[in-house]
Amino acid sequence: MLTLNDVKEYLKIDYTEEDNYLTNLIEVSQIYIDSMVGEAYKIDTKATKLAGLLQMKLISDMYDNRGTEIEAKTKKDMIVTSILDKLSNYTEVIV
């Protein structure tokens, strides 16, 4: 799970004015990942690291663009696609 400090360090932010916005981006990006692939990946250390990288990328994109809209002419992001694909290969074990 990413912390606010992790994100601020990654984005090179040293002020507090946007802490609430960044906290919201952390939550939204986690919800996005989990809704796209489920939560089974969380049992694998390597998969959670990949998810953390993806989450940082999503947060960075949303922070830089100040929104979640994607222009029609935007190319498909192969990093995002491949990580989502990898994470979706994990299946939940029902006990």
C-alpha atoms as a PDB file:
ATOM      1  CA  MET A   1       0.000   0.000   0.000  1.00  0.00           C
ATOM      2  CA  LEU A   2       1.403   3.347  -1.018  1.00  0.00           C
ATOM      3  CA  THR A   3       1.639   6.133   1.507  1.00  0.00           C
ATOM      4  CA  LEU A   4       1.273   9.837   0.956  1.00  0.00           C
ATOM      5  CA  ASN A   5       5.004  10.238   1.626  1.00  0.00           C
ATOM      6  CA  ASP A   6       5.825   7.602  -1.038  1.00  0.00           C
ATOM      7  CA  VAL A   7       3.807   9.499  -3.617  1.00  0.00           C
ATOM      8  CA  LYS A   8       5.158  12.913  -2.656  1.00  0.00           C
ATOM      9  CA  GLU A   9       8.723  11.610  -2.902  1.00  0.00           C
ATOM     10  CA  TYR A  10       8.015  10.032  -6.301  1.00  0.00           C
ATOM     11  CA  LEU A  11       6.421  13.236  -7.627  1.00  0.00           C
ATOM     12  CA  LYS A  12       9.079  15.442  -5.973  1.00  0.00           C
ATOM     13  CA  ILE A  13       6.501  17.413  -3.951  1.00  0.00           C
ATOM     14  CA  ASP A  14       7.625  18.967  -0.681  1.00  0.00           C
ATOM     15  CA  TYR A  15       4.607  21.074   0.229  1.00  0.00           C
ATOM     16  CA  THR A  16       1.327  20.092   1.906  1.00  0.00           C
ATOM     17  CA  GLU A  17      -1.268  22.080  -0.054  1.00  0.00           C
ATOM     18  CA  GLU A  18      -2.151  19.100  -2.248  1.00  0.00           C
ATOM     19  CA  ASP A  19      -2.049  16.351   0.359  1.00  0.00           C
ATOM     20  CA  ASN A  20      -5.816  15.790   0.233  1.00  0.00           C
ATOM     21  CA  TYR A  21      -5.774  15.586  -3.561  1.00  0.00           C
ATOM     22  CA  LEU A  22      -2.838  13.156  -3.519  1.00  0.00           C
ATOM     23  CA  THR A  23      -4.513  11.016  -0.857  1.00  0.00           C
ATOM     24  CA  ASN A  24      -7.585  10.839  -3.073  1.00  0.00           C
ATOM     25  CA  LEU A  25      -5.433   9.803  -6.057  1.00  0.00           C
ATOM     26  CA  ILE A  26      -3.884   7.015  -3.964  1.00  0.00           C
ATOM     27  CA  GLU A  27      -7.338   5.692  -3.073  1.00  0.00           C
ATOM     28  CA  VAL A  28      -8.759   6.023  -6.589  1.00  0.00           C
ATOM     29  CA  SER A  29      -5.752   4.371  -8.234  1.00  0.00           C
ATOM     30  CA  GLN A  30      -5.957   1.421  -5.812  1.00  0.00           C
ATOM     31  CA  ILE A  31      -9.676   1.045  -6.476  1.00  0.00           C
ATOM     32  CA  TYR A  32      -8.993   1.162 -10.216  1.00  0.00           C
ATOM     33  CA  ILE A  33      -6.350  -1.570 -10.074  1.00  0.00           C
ATOM     34  CA  ASP A  34      -8.425  -3.828  -7.824  1.00  0.00           C
ATOM     35  CA  SER A  35     -11.551  -3.366  -9.929  1.00  0.00           C
ATOM     36  CA  MET A  36      -9.623  -4.197 -13.105  1.00  0.00           C
ATOM     37  CA  VAL A  37      -7.821  -7.316 -11.881  1.00  0.00           C
ATOM     38  CA  GLY A  38      -9.278  -8.356  -8.516  1.00  0.00           C
ATOM     39  CA  GLU A  39      -7.256  -8.643  -5.334  1.00  0.00           C
ATOM     40  CA  ALA A  40      -5.710 -12.108  -5.657  1.00  0.00           C
ATOM     41  CA  TYR A  41      -2.381 -10.604  -6.754  1.00  0.00           C
ATOM     42  CA  LYS A  42      -1.903  -9.229  -3.229  1.00  0.00           C
ATOM     43  CA  ILE A  43      -0.670 -12.611  -1.972  1.00  0.00           C
ATOM     44  CA  ASP A  44       2.430 -12.436  -4.192  1.00  0.00           C
ATOM     45  CA  THR A  45       5.249 -10.059  -3.222  1.00  0.00           C
ATOM     46  CA  LYS A  46       6.442  -9.526  -6.785  1.00  0.00           C
ATOM     47  CA  ALA A  47       2.916  -8.855  -8.005  1.00  0.00           C
ATOM     48  CA  THR A  48       2.320  -6.274  -5.282  1.00  0.00           C
ATOM     49  CA  LYS A  49       5.519  -4.511  -6.335  1.00  0.00           C
ATOM     50  CA  LEU A  50       4.269  -4.433  -9.933  1.00  0.00           C
ATOM     51  CA  ALA A  51       0.946  -3.088  -8.693  1.00  0.00           C
ATOM     52  CA  GLY A  52       2.800  -0.389  -6.736  1.00  0.00           C
ATOM     53  CA  LEU A  53       4.678   0.644  -9.871  1.00  0.00           C
ATOM     54  CA  LEU A  54       1.425   0.760 -11.810  1.00  0.00           C
ATOM     55  CA  GLN A  55      -0.220   2.759  -9.048  1.00  0.00           C
ATOM     56  CA  MET A  56       2.594   5.320  -9.098  1.00  0.00           C
ATOM     57  CA  LYS A  57       2.249   5.637 -12.873  1.00  0.00           C
ATOM     58  CA  LEU A  58      -1.504   6.124 -12.633  1.00  0.00           C
ATOM     59  CA  ILE A  59      -1.130   8.700  -9.870  1.00  0.00           C
ATOM     60  CA  SER A  60       1.550  10.548 -11.814  1.00  0.00           C
ATOM     61  CA  ASP A  61      -0.617  10.621 -14.947  1.00  0.00           C
ATOM     62  CA  MET A  62      -3.682  11.816 -13.040  1.00  0.00           C
ATOM     63  CA  TYR A  63      -1.650  14.409 -11.135  1.00  0.00           C
ATOM     64  CA  ASP A  64       0.023  15.788 -14.269  1.00  0.00           C
ATOM     65  CA  ASN A  65      -3.215  15.867 -16.263  1.00  0.00           C
ATOM     66  CA  ARG A  66      -5.442  16.909 -13.352  1.00  0.00           C
ATOM     67  CA  GLY A  67      -8.109  14.484 -14.404  1.00  0.00           C
ATOM     68  CA  THR A  68      -8.979  11.022 -15.581  1.00  0.00           C
ATOM     69  CA  GLU A  69     -10.082  11.855 -19.118  1.00  0.00           C
ATOM     70  CA  ILE A  70      -8.113  10.316 -21.930  1.00  0.00           C
ATOM     71  CA  GLU A  71      -7.995  12.035 -25.302  1.00  0.00           C
ATOM     72  CA  ALA A  72      -9.147   9.947 -28.257  1.00  0.00           C
ATOM     73  CA  LYS A  73      -5.793  10.366 -29.982  1.00  0.00           C
ATOM     74  CA  THR A  74      -3.875   9.015 -26.968  1.00  0.00           C
ATOM     75  CA  LYS A  75      -1.898   5.874 -27.691  1.00  0.00           C
ATOM     76  CA  LYS A  76      -2.327   2.718 -25.642  1.00  0.00           C
ATOM     77  CA  ASP A  77       0.157   2.587 -22.757  1.00  0.00           C
ATOM     78  CA  MET A  78       1.876  -0.788 -23.034  1.00  0.00           C
ATOM     79  CA  ILE A  79       3.332  -0.623 -19.514  1.00  0.00           C
ATOM     80  CA  VAL A  80      -0.093  -0.174 -17.956  1.00  0.00           C
ATOM     81  CA  THR A  81      -1.646  -2.806 -20.203  1.00  0.00           C
ATOM     82  CA  SER A  82       1.028  -5.413 -19.571  1.00  0.00           C
ATOM     83  CA  ILE A  83       1.016  -4.942 -15.784  1.00  0.00           C
ATOM     84  CA  LEU A  84      -2.780  -5.136 -15.647  1.00  0.00           C
ATOM     85  CA  ASP A  85      -2.619  -8.284 -17.770  1.00  0.00           C
ATOM     86  CA  LYS A  86      -0.027  -9.862 -15.476  1.00  0.00           C
ATOM     87  CA  LEU A  87      -1.937  -8.992 -12.307  1.00  0.00           C
ATOM     88  CA  SER A  88      -5.191 -10.340 -13.740  1.00  0.00           C
ATOM     89  CA  ASN A  89      -3.602 -13.803 -14.078  1.00  0.00           C
ATOM     90  CA  TYR A  90      -3.803 -14.316 -10.321  1.00  0.00           C
ATOM     91  CA  THR A  91      -6.903 -16.111  -9.119  1.00  0.00           C
ATOM     92  CA  GLU A  92      -8.428 -16.058  -5.694  1.00  0.00           C
ATOM     93  CA  VAL A  93      -8.296 -19.246  -3.667  1.00  0.00           C
ATOM     94  CA  ILE A  94     -11.651 -19.949  -2.050  1.00  0.00           C
ATOM     95  CA  VAL A  95     -11.333 -21.808   1.221  1.00  0.00           C
END
